[in-house]
Amino acid sequence: MSTNGFNPENVIVVGFADDDRAYEAMTTLNELASQGQIAIADAAVVIRDDAGHIDVKDQVANDSWAGTTSGGLVGLLLGILGGPLGILLGGATGLAVGSLFDLADGEDADSALTEVSKTVKVGRTSLLAQVEEQSPEVVDAAMAQLSGTVVRRSVADIEAEIAAAEDAQREAKRKARAELRKARHDKRQEDAHAKVEQLKAKLHPDRRAAAPSA
């Protein structure tokens, strides 16, 4: 992190009132990169459908950037936002992030994934990119000229929440499996008890439960 508190490695998400501007924004980012004003690890123009799934319309990746050859952070992020977690984060239904992050009330607004997901709106085209910047002004000014609104979160924040989401998903699966095992066990016990009662009835057809005394 730089001394002025600005983190140079960020994921930016840009929403546009005019969908065509997202493609122009991709071209603009590439121009800024060619001028050495920013560096791009991965970028994509995407649209989210009514079901919350994300369709990638255009994508660029810098294979020389560590970790991008087999799919960068943006690709991983899109996979998460286009799945069930993305819906919980507000991508399609507007629901707030819930117990997956175990956040206290009032902290949801600080969630990087929530902020990113809500920027990728249903039926609208957005631009996502992992960039290295010297300052936020360059990209912000370029996107403003295209009527784009920039949401910026540090790569470190995004990676931390992706890791937390994976851990939470693993824990949720563990709890779900435990509940299923318990349900199967309870059902087996219930079935066994019913079968024993049936056998008792067959062995003692004339036996009746004693009526309670007055």
C-alpha atoms as a PDB file:
ATOM      1  CA  MET A   1       0.000   0.000   0.000  1.00  0.00           C
ATOM      2  CA  SER A   2       1.250   3.476  -0.826  1.00  0.00           C
ATOM      3  CA  THR A   3       2.176   5.941   1.856  1.00  0.00           C
ATOM      4  CA  ASN A   4      -0.910   8.107   1.189  1.00  0.00           C
ATOM      5  CA  GLY A   5      -3.212   5.226   2.055  1.00  0.00           C
ATOM      6  CA  PHE A   6      -4.168   4.436  -1.550  1.00  0.00           C
ATOM      7  CA  ASN A   7      -3.815   0.781  -2.485  1.00  0.00           C
ATOM      8  CA  PRO A   8      -2.479   0.522  -6.054  1.00  0.00           C
ATOM      9  CA  GLU A   9      -3.813  -3.005  -6.693  1.00  0.00           C
ATOM     10  CA  ASN A  10      -7.587  -2.862  -7.035  1.00  0.00           C
ATOM     11  CA  VAL A  11     -10.640  -4.454  -8.526  1.00  0.00           C
ATOM     12  CA  ILE A  12     -12.803  -1.823 -10.174  1.00  0.00           C
ATOM     13  CA  VAL A  13     -16.423  -2.256 -11.212  1.00  0.00           C
ATOM     14  CA  VAL A  14     -18.037   0.336 -13.438  1.00  0.00           C
ATOM     15  CA  GLY A  15     -21.767   0.635 -14.046  1.00  0.00           C
ATOM     16  CA  PHE A  16     -23.181   2.596 -16.988  1.00  0.00           C
ATOM     17  CA  ALA A  17     -26.522   4.167 -17.790  1.00  0.00           C
ATOM     18  CA  ASP A  18     -25.866   3.383 -21.472  1.00  0.00           C
ATOM     19  CA  ASP A  19     -24.872  -0.239 -22.014  1.00  0.00           C
ATOM     20  CA  ASP A  20     -22.736   0.534 -25.088  1.00  0.00           C
ATOM     21  CA  ARG A  21     -20.415   2.616 -22.922  1.00  0.00           C
ATOM     22  CA  ALA A  22     -19.046  -0.510 -21.221  1.00  0.00           C
ATOM     23  CA  TYR A  23     -17.331  -1.536 -24.457  1.00  0.00           C
ATOM     24  CA  GLU A  24     -15.938   1.973 -24.889  1.00  0.00           C
ATOM     25  CA  ALA A  25     -14.708   1.795 -21.309  1.00  0.00           C
ATOM     26  CA  MET A  26     -12.825  -1.428 -22.055  1.00  0.00           C
ATOM     27  CA  THR A  27     -11.128   0.293 -24.990  1.00  0.00           C
ATOM     28  CA  THR A  28     -10.313   3.271 -22.769  1.00  0.00           C
ATOM     29  CA  LEU A  29      -8.723   1.076 -20.107  1.00  0.00           C
ATOM     30  CA  ASN A  30      -6.567  -0.589 -22.758  1.00  0.00           C
ATOM     31  CA  GLU A  31      -5.485   2.827 -24.026  1.00  0.00           C
ATOM     32  CA  LEU A  32      -4.549   3.917 -20.508  1.00  0.00           C
ATOM     33  CA  ALA A  33      -2.559   0.718 -20.103  1.00  0.00           C
ATOM     34  CA  SER A  34      -0.734   1.257 -23.411  1.00  0.00           C
ATOM     35  CA  GLN A  35       0.201   4.747 -22.183  1.00  0.00           C
ATOM     36  CA  GLY A  36       1.614   3.283 -18.964  1.00  0.00           C
ATOM     37  CA  GLN A  37      -0.900   5.110 -16.772  1.00  0.00           C
ATOM     38  CA  ILE A  38      -2.338   1.853 -15.416  1.00  0.00           C
ATOM     39  CA  ALA A  39      -1.668  -1.879 -15.711  1.00  0.00           C
ATOM     40  CA  ILE A  40      -4.448  -4.374 -16.380  1.00  0.00           C
ATOM     41  CA  ALA A  41      -4.292  -7.944 -15.103  1.00  0.00           C
ATOM     42  CA  ASP A  42      -7.762  -8.959 -16.242  1.00  0.00           C
ATOM     43  CA  ALA A  43     -10.885  -7.156 -17.437  1.00  0.00           C
ATOM     44  CA  ALA A  44     -14.338  -8.152 -18.649  1.00  0.00           C
ATOM     45  CA  VAL A  45     -17.522  -6.600 -19.970  1.00  0.00           C
ATOM     46  CA  VAL A  46     -20.441  -8.528 -18.482  1.00  0.00           C
ATOM     47  CA  ILE A  47     -24.216  -8.526 -18.239  1.00  0.00           C
ATOM     48  CA  ARG A  48     -26.332 -10.148 -15.540  1.00  0.00           C
ATOM     49  CA  ASP A  49     -29.601 -11.820 -16.578  1.00  0.00           C
ATOM     50  CA  ASP A  50     -32.887 -11.879 -14.669  1.00  0.00           C
ATOM     51  CA  ALA A  51     -31.918 -15.151 -12.966  1.00  0.00           C
ATOM     52  CA  GLY A  52     -28.716 -13.585 -11.644  1.00  0.00           C
ATOM     53  CA  HIS A  53     -26.316 -15.410 -13.949  1.00  0.00           C
ATOM     54  CA  ILE A  54     -23.486 -13.443 -15.504  1.00  0.00           C
ATOM     55  CA  ASP A  55     -22.615 -13.574 -19.203  1.00  0.00           C
ATOM     56  CA  VAL A  56     -19.156 -12.392 -20.277  1.00  0.00           C
ATOM     57  CA  LYS A  57     -19.426 -10.296 -23.455  1.00  0.00           C
ATOM     58  CA  ASP A  58     -15.771  -9.291 -23.814  1.00  0.00           C
ATOM     59  CA  GLN A  59     -12.611 -10.092 -21.875  1.00  0.00           C
ATOM     60  CA  VAL A  60      -8.910  -9.306 -21.891  1.00  0.00           C
ATOM     61  CA  ALA A  61      -6.142 -10.779 -19.764  1.00  0.00           C
ATOM     62  CA  ASN A  62      -2.463 -10.030 -19.354  1.00  0.00           C
ATOM     63  CA  ASP A  63      -0.763 -13.435 -19.377  1.00  0.00           C
ATOM     64  CA  SER A  64       2.477 -11.902 -18.105  1.00  0.00           C
ATOM     65  CA  TRP A  65       0.701 -10.898 -14.886  1.00  0.00           C
ATOM     66  CA  ALA A  66       1.252 -13.543 -12.209  1.00  0.00           C
ATOM     67  CA  GLY A  67      -1.688 -15.875 -11.842  1.00  0.00           C
ATOM     68  CA  THR A  68      -3.682 -14.691 -14.857  1.00  0.00           C
ATOM     69  CA  THR A  69      -2.664 -17.312 -17.404  1.00  0.00           C
ATOM     70  CA  SER A  70      -5.163 -19.900 -16.162  1.00  0.00           C
ATOM     71  CA  GLY A  71      -7.838 -17.380 -15.246  1.00  0.00           C
ATOM     72  CA  GLY A  72      -7.477 -14.268 -13.156  1.00  0.00           C
ATOM     73  CA  LEU A  73      -9.177 -12.814 -10.135  1.00  0.00           C
ATOM     74  CA  VAL A  74     -11.905 -11.218 -12.262  1.00  0.00           C
ATOM     75  CA  GLY A  75     -12.846 -14.608 -13.718  1.00  0.00           C
ATOM     76  CA  LEU A  76     -12.997 -16.121 -10.239  1.00  0.00           C
ATOM     77  CA  LEU A  77     -15.025 -13.172  -8.994  1.00  0.00           C
ATOM     78  CA  LEU A  78     -17.518 -13.511 -11.861  1.00  0.00           C
ATOM     79  CA  GLY A  79     -17.943 -17.199 -11.104  1.00  0.00           C
ATOM     80  CA  ILE A  80     -18.811 -16.355  -7.501  1.00  0.00           C
ATOM     81  CA  LEU A  81     -21.107 -13.419  -8.298  1.00  0.00           C
ATOM     82  CA  GLY A  82     -22.971 -15.409 -10.934  1.00  0.00           C
ATOM     83  CA  GLY A  83     -23.667 -18.266  -8.540  1.00  0.00           C
ATOM     84  CA  PRO A  84     -25.886 -18.704  -5.471  1.00  0.00           C
ATOM     85  CA  LEU A  85     -23.634 -16.539  -3.327  1.00  0.00           C
ATOM     86  CA  GLY A  86     -23.974 -13.661  -5.784  1.00  0.00           C
ATOM     87  CA  ILE A  87     -27.751 -13.824  -5.446  1.00  0.00           C
ATOM     88  CA  LEU A  88     -27.449 -13.694  -1.662  1.00  0.00           C
ATOM     89  CA  LEU A  89     -25.153 -10.713  -2.027  1.00  0.00           C
ATOM     90  CA  GLY A  90     -27.843  -8.806  -3.870  1.00  0.00           C
ATOM     91  CA  GLY A  91     -27.070  -9.501  -7.506  1.00  0.00           C
ATOM     92  CA  ALA A  92     -30.527 -10.550  -8.620  1.00  0.00           C
ATOM     93  CA  THR A  93     -32.927 -10.254  -5.737  1.00  0.00           C
ATOM     94  CA  GLY A  94     -31.604  -7.396  -3.655  1.00  0.00           C
ATOM     95  CA  LEU A  95     -31.149  -9.589  -0.594  1.00  0.00           C
ATOM     96  CA  ALA A  96     -28.478  -8.464   1.839  1.00  0.00           C
ATOM     97  CA  VAL A  97     -25.507 -10.667   2.576  1.00  0.00           C
ATOM     98  CA  GLY A  98     -26.448 -13.000   5.380  1.00  0.00           C
ATOM     99  CA  SER A  99     -24.907 -15.641   7.556  1.00  0.00           C
ATOM    100  CA  LEU A 100     -22.400 -16.728   4.922  1.00  0.00           C
ATOM    101  CA  PHE A 101     -20.080 -14.039   6.222  1.00  0.00           C
ATOM    102  CA  ASP A 102     -21.465 -14.012   9.764  1.00  0.00           C
ATOM    103  CA  LEU A 103     -21.358 -10.232   9.736  1.00  0.00           C
ATOM    104  CA  ALA A 104     -22.927  -8.196  12.505  1.00  0.00           C
ATOM    105  CA  ASP A 105     -25.812  -5.881  11.664  1.00  0.00           C
ATOM    106  CA  GLY A 106     -24.611  -2.710  10.016  1.00  0.00           C
ATOM    107  CA  GLU A 107     -21.394  -4.207   8.648  1.00  0.00           C
ATOM    108  CA  ASP A 108     -22.839  -5.452   5.360  1.00  0.00           C
ATOM    109  CA  ALA A 109     -22.105  -2.122   3.687  1.00  0.00           C
ATOM    110  CA  ASP A 110     -18.408  -2.770   4.293  1.00  0.00           C
ATOM    111  CA  SER A 111     -18.462  -6.031   2.347  1.00  0.00           C
ATOM    112  CA  ALA A 112     -16.400  -5.741  -0.831  1.00  0.00           C
ATOM    113  CA  LEU A 113     -18.246  -8.590  -2.529  1.00  0.00           C
ATOM    114  CA  THR A 114     -21.622  -7.083  -1.649  1.00  0.00           C
ATOM    115  CA  GLU A 115     -20.636  -3.718  -3.099  1.00  0.00           C
ATOM    116  CA  VAL A 116     -19.246  -5.282  -6.272  1.00  0.00           C
ATOM    117  CA  SER A 117     -22.247  -7.566  -6.746  1.00  0.00           C
ATOM    118  CA  LYS A 118     -24.769  -4.771  -6.353  1.00  0.00           C
ATOM    119  CA  THR A 119     -22.912  -2.705  -8.962  1.00  0.00           C
ATOM    120  CA  VAL A 120     -23.337  -5.492 -11.530  1.00  0.00           C
ATOM    121  CA  LYS A 121     -27.041  -4.837 -11.990  1.00  0.00           C
ATOM    122  CA  VAL A 122     -29.602  -7.121 -13.599  1.00  0.00           C
ATOM    123  CA  GLY A 123     -30.088  -6.402 -17.278  1.00  0.00           C
ATOM    124  CA  ARG A 124     -27.221  -3.899 -17.427  1.00  0.00           C
ATOM    125  CA  THR A 125     -23.739  -4.106 -18.867  1.00  0.00           C
ATOM    126  CA  SER A 126     -20.833  -3.523 -16.496  1.00  0.00           C
ATOM    127  CA  LEU A 127     -17.064  -3.465 -16.655  1.00  0.00           C
ATOM    128  CA  LEU A 128     -14.913  -5.328 -14.128  1.00  0.00           C
ATOM    129  CA  ALA A 129     -11.139  -5.148 -14.053  1.00  0.00           C
ATOM    130  CA  GLN A 130      -8.164  -5.914 -11.858  1.00  0.00           C
ATOM    131  CA  VAL A 131      -5.805  -3.006 -12.250  1.00  0.00           C
ATOM    132  CA  GLU A 132      -2.678  -1.465 -10.819  1.00  0.00           C
ATOM    133  CA  GLU A 133      -3.009   2.290 -10.488  1.00  0.00           C
ATOM    134  CA  GLN A 134      -0.773   5.147  -9.448  1.00  0.00           C
ATOM    135  CA  SER A 135      -3.830   7.074  -8.228  1.00  0.00           C
ATOM    136  CA  PRO A 136      -7.609   6.724  -8.547  1.00  0.00           C
ATOM    137  CA  GLU A 137      -8.019   9.965 -10.518  1.00  0.00           C
ATOM    138  CA  VAL A 138      -6.917   8.552 -13.879  1.00  0.00           C
ATOM    139  CA  VAL A 139      -9.512   5.803 -14.139  1.00  0.00           C
ATOM    140  CA  ASP A 140     -12.217   7.812 -12.356  1.00  0.00           C
ATOM    141  CA  ALA A 141     -11.863  10.724 -14.795  1.00  0.00           C
ATOM    142  CA  ALA A 142     -11.850   8.436 -17.835  1.00  0.00           C
ATOM    143  CA  MET A 143     -14.959   6.567 -16.695  1.00  0.00           C
ATOM    144  CA  ALA A 144     -16.762   9.792 -15.741  1.00  0.00           C
ATOM    145  CA  GLN A 145     -16.424  10.947 -19.368  1.00  0.00           C
ATOM    146  CA  LEU A 146     -18.417   7.840 -20.304  1.00  0.00           C
ATOM    147  CA  SER A 147     -21.014   8.450 -17.558  1.00  0.00           C
ATOM    148  CA  GLY A 148     -19.632   5.487 -15.657  1.00  0.00           C
ATOM    149  CA  THR A 149     -19.701   5.146 -11.879  1.00  0.00           C
ATOM    150  CA  VAL A 150     -16.603   3.467 -10.437  1.00  0.00           C
ATOM    151  CA  VAL A 151     -16.641   1.173  -7.414  1.00  0.00           C
ATOM    152  CA  ARG A 152     -13.121   0.358  -6.262  1.00  0.00           C
ATOM    153  CA  ARG A 153     -12.048  -2.233  -3.702  1.00  0.00           C
ATOM    154  CA  SER A 154      -8.542  -3.461  -3.008  1.00  0.00           C
ATOM    155  CA  VAL A 155      -7.436  -6.828  -4.332  1.00  0.00           C
ATOM    156  CA  ALA A 156      -6.564  -7.757  -0.750  1.00  0.00           C
ATOM    157  CA  ASP A 157     -10.156  -7.101   0.404  1.00  0.00           C
ATOM    158  CA  ILE A 158     -11.639  -9.074  -2.487  1.00  0.00           C
ATOM    159  CA  GLU A 159      -9.297 -12.024  -1.937  1.00  0.00           C
ATOM    160  CA  ALA A 160      -9.967 -12.042   1.808  1.00  0.00           C
ATOM    161  CA  GLU A 161     -13.729 -12.167   1.294  1.00  0.00           C
ATOM    162  CA  ILE A 162     -13.489 -14.840  -1.411  1.00  0.00           C
ATOM    163  CA  ALA A 163     -11.475 -16.950   1.038  1.00  0.00           C
ATOM    164  CA  ALA A 164     -14.042 -16.254   3.775  1.00  0.00           C
ATOM    165  CA  ALA A 165     -16.868 -17.208   1.414  1.00  0.00           C
ATOM    166  CA  GLU A 166     -15.146 -20.484   0.576  1.00  0.00           C
ATOM    167  CA  ASP A 167     -14.657 -21.275   4.263  1.00  0.00           C
ATOM    168  CA  ALA A 168     -18.270 -20.349   5.009  1.00  0.00           C
ATOM    169  CA  GLN A 169     -19.541 -22.480   2.151  1.00  0.00           C
ATOM    170  CA  ARG A 170     -17.475 -25.423   3.377  1.00  0.00           C
ATOM    171  CA  GLU A 171     -18.852 -24.983   6.898  1.00  0.00           C
ATOM    172  CA  ALA A 172     -22.410 -24.682   5.555  1.00  0.00           C
ATOM    173  CA  LYS A 173     -21.964 -27.933   3.629  1.00  0.00           C
ATOM    174  CA  ARG A 174     -20.568 -29.641   6.734  1.00  0.00           C
ATOM    175  CA  LYS A 175     -23.560 -28.526   8.791  1.00  0.00           C
ATOM    176  CA  ALA A 176     -25.963 -29.588   6.041  1.00  0.00           C
ATOM    177  CA  ARG A 177     -24.397 -33.046   5.882  1.00  0.00           C
ATOM    178  CA  ALA A 178     -24.616 -33.340   9.669  1.00  0.00           C
ATOM    179  CA  GLU A 179     -28.300 -32.409   9.569  1.00  0.00           C
ATOM    180  CA  LEU A 180     -28.954 -34.968   6.834  1.00  0.00           C
ATOM    181  CA  ARG A 181     -27.165 -37.685   8.797  1.00  0.00           C
ATOM    182  CA  LYS A 182     -29.203 -36.786  11.884  1.00  0.00           C
ATOM    183  CA  ALA A 183     -32.424 -36.851   9.873  1.00  0.00           C
ATOM    184  CA  ARG A 184     -31.559 -40.276   8.459  1.00  0.00           C
ATOM    185  CA  HIS A 185     -30.679 -41.556  11.931  1.00  0.00           C
ATOM    186  CA  ASP A 186     -33.914 -40.223  13.428  1.00  0.00           C
ATOM    187  CA  LYS A 187     -35.931 -41.730  10.597  1.00  0.00           C
ATOM    188  CA  ARG A 188     -34.235 -45.103  11.013  1.00  0.00           C
ATOM    189  CA  GLN A 189     -35.024 -45.027  14.732  1.00  0.00           C
ATOM    190  CA  GLU A 190     -38.626 -44.059  14.021  1.00  0.00           C
ATOM    191  CA  ASP A 191     -38.956 -46.798  11.378  1.00  0.00           C
ATOM    192  CA  ALA A 192     -37.379 -49.373  13.692  1.00  0.00           C
ATOM    193  CA  HIS A 193     -39.745 -48.443  16.510  1.00  0.00           C
ATOM    194  CA  ALA A 194     -42.756 -48.702  14.187  1.00  0.00           C
ATOM    195  CA  LYS A 195     -41.597 -52.099  12.952  1.00  0.00           C
ATOM    196  CA  VAL A 196     -41.166 -53.399  16.502  1.00  0.00           C
ATOM    197  CA  GLU A 197     -44.648 -52.193  17.398  1.00  0.00           C
ATOM    198  CA  GLN A 198     -46.020 -54.039  14.370  1.00  0.00           C
ATOM    199  CA  LEU A 199     -44.237 -57.232  15.441  1.00  0.00           C
ATOM    200  CA  LYS A 200     -45.642 -56.864  18.950  1.00  0.00           C
ATOM    201  CA  ALA A 201     -49.130 -56.537  17.521  1.00  0.00           C
ATOM    202  CA  LYS A 202     -48.677 -59.693  15.454  1.00  0.00           C
ATOM    203  CA  LEU A 203     -47.325 -61.697  18.402  1.00  0.00           C
ATOM    204  CA  HIS A 204     -50.002 -60.485  20.799  1.00  0.00           C
ATOM    205  CA  PRO A 205     -53.069 -59.717  18.680  1.00  0.00           C
ATOM    206  CA  ASP A 206     -55.410 -59.811  21.696  1.00  0.00           C
ATOM    207  CA  ARG A 207     -53.330 -57.547  23.887  1.00  0.00           C
ATOM    208  CA  ARG A 208     -54.817 -54.109  24.309  1.00  0.00           C
ATOM    209  CA  ALA A 209     -53.339 -51.171  26.003  1.00  0.00           C
ATOM    210  CA  ALA A 210     -54.639 -50.934  29.521  1.00  0.00           C
ATOM    211  CA  ALA A 211     -57.191 -48.227  29.884  1.00  0.00           C
ATOM    212  CA  PRO A 212     -56.142 -45.536  32.356  1.00  0.00           C
ATOM    213  CA  SER A 213     -57.763 -45.884  35.735  1.00  0.00           C
ATOM    214  CA  ALA A 214     -60.312 -43.290  36.763  1.00  0.00           C
END
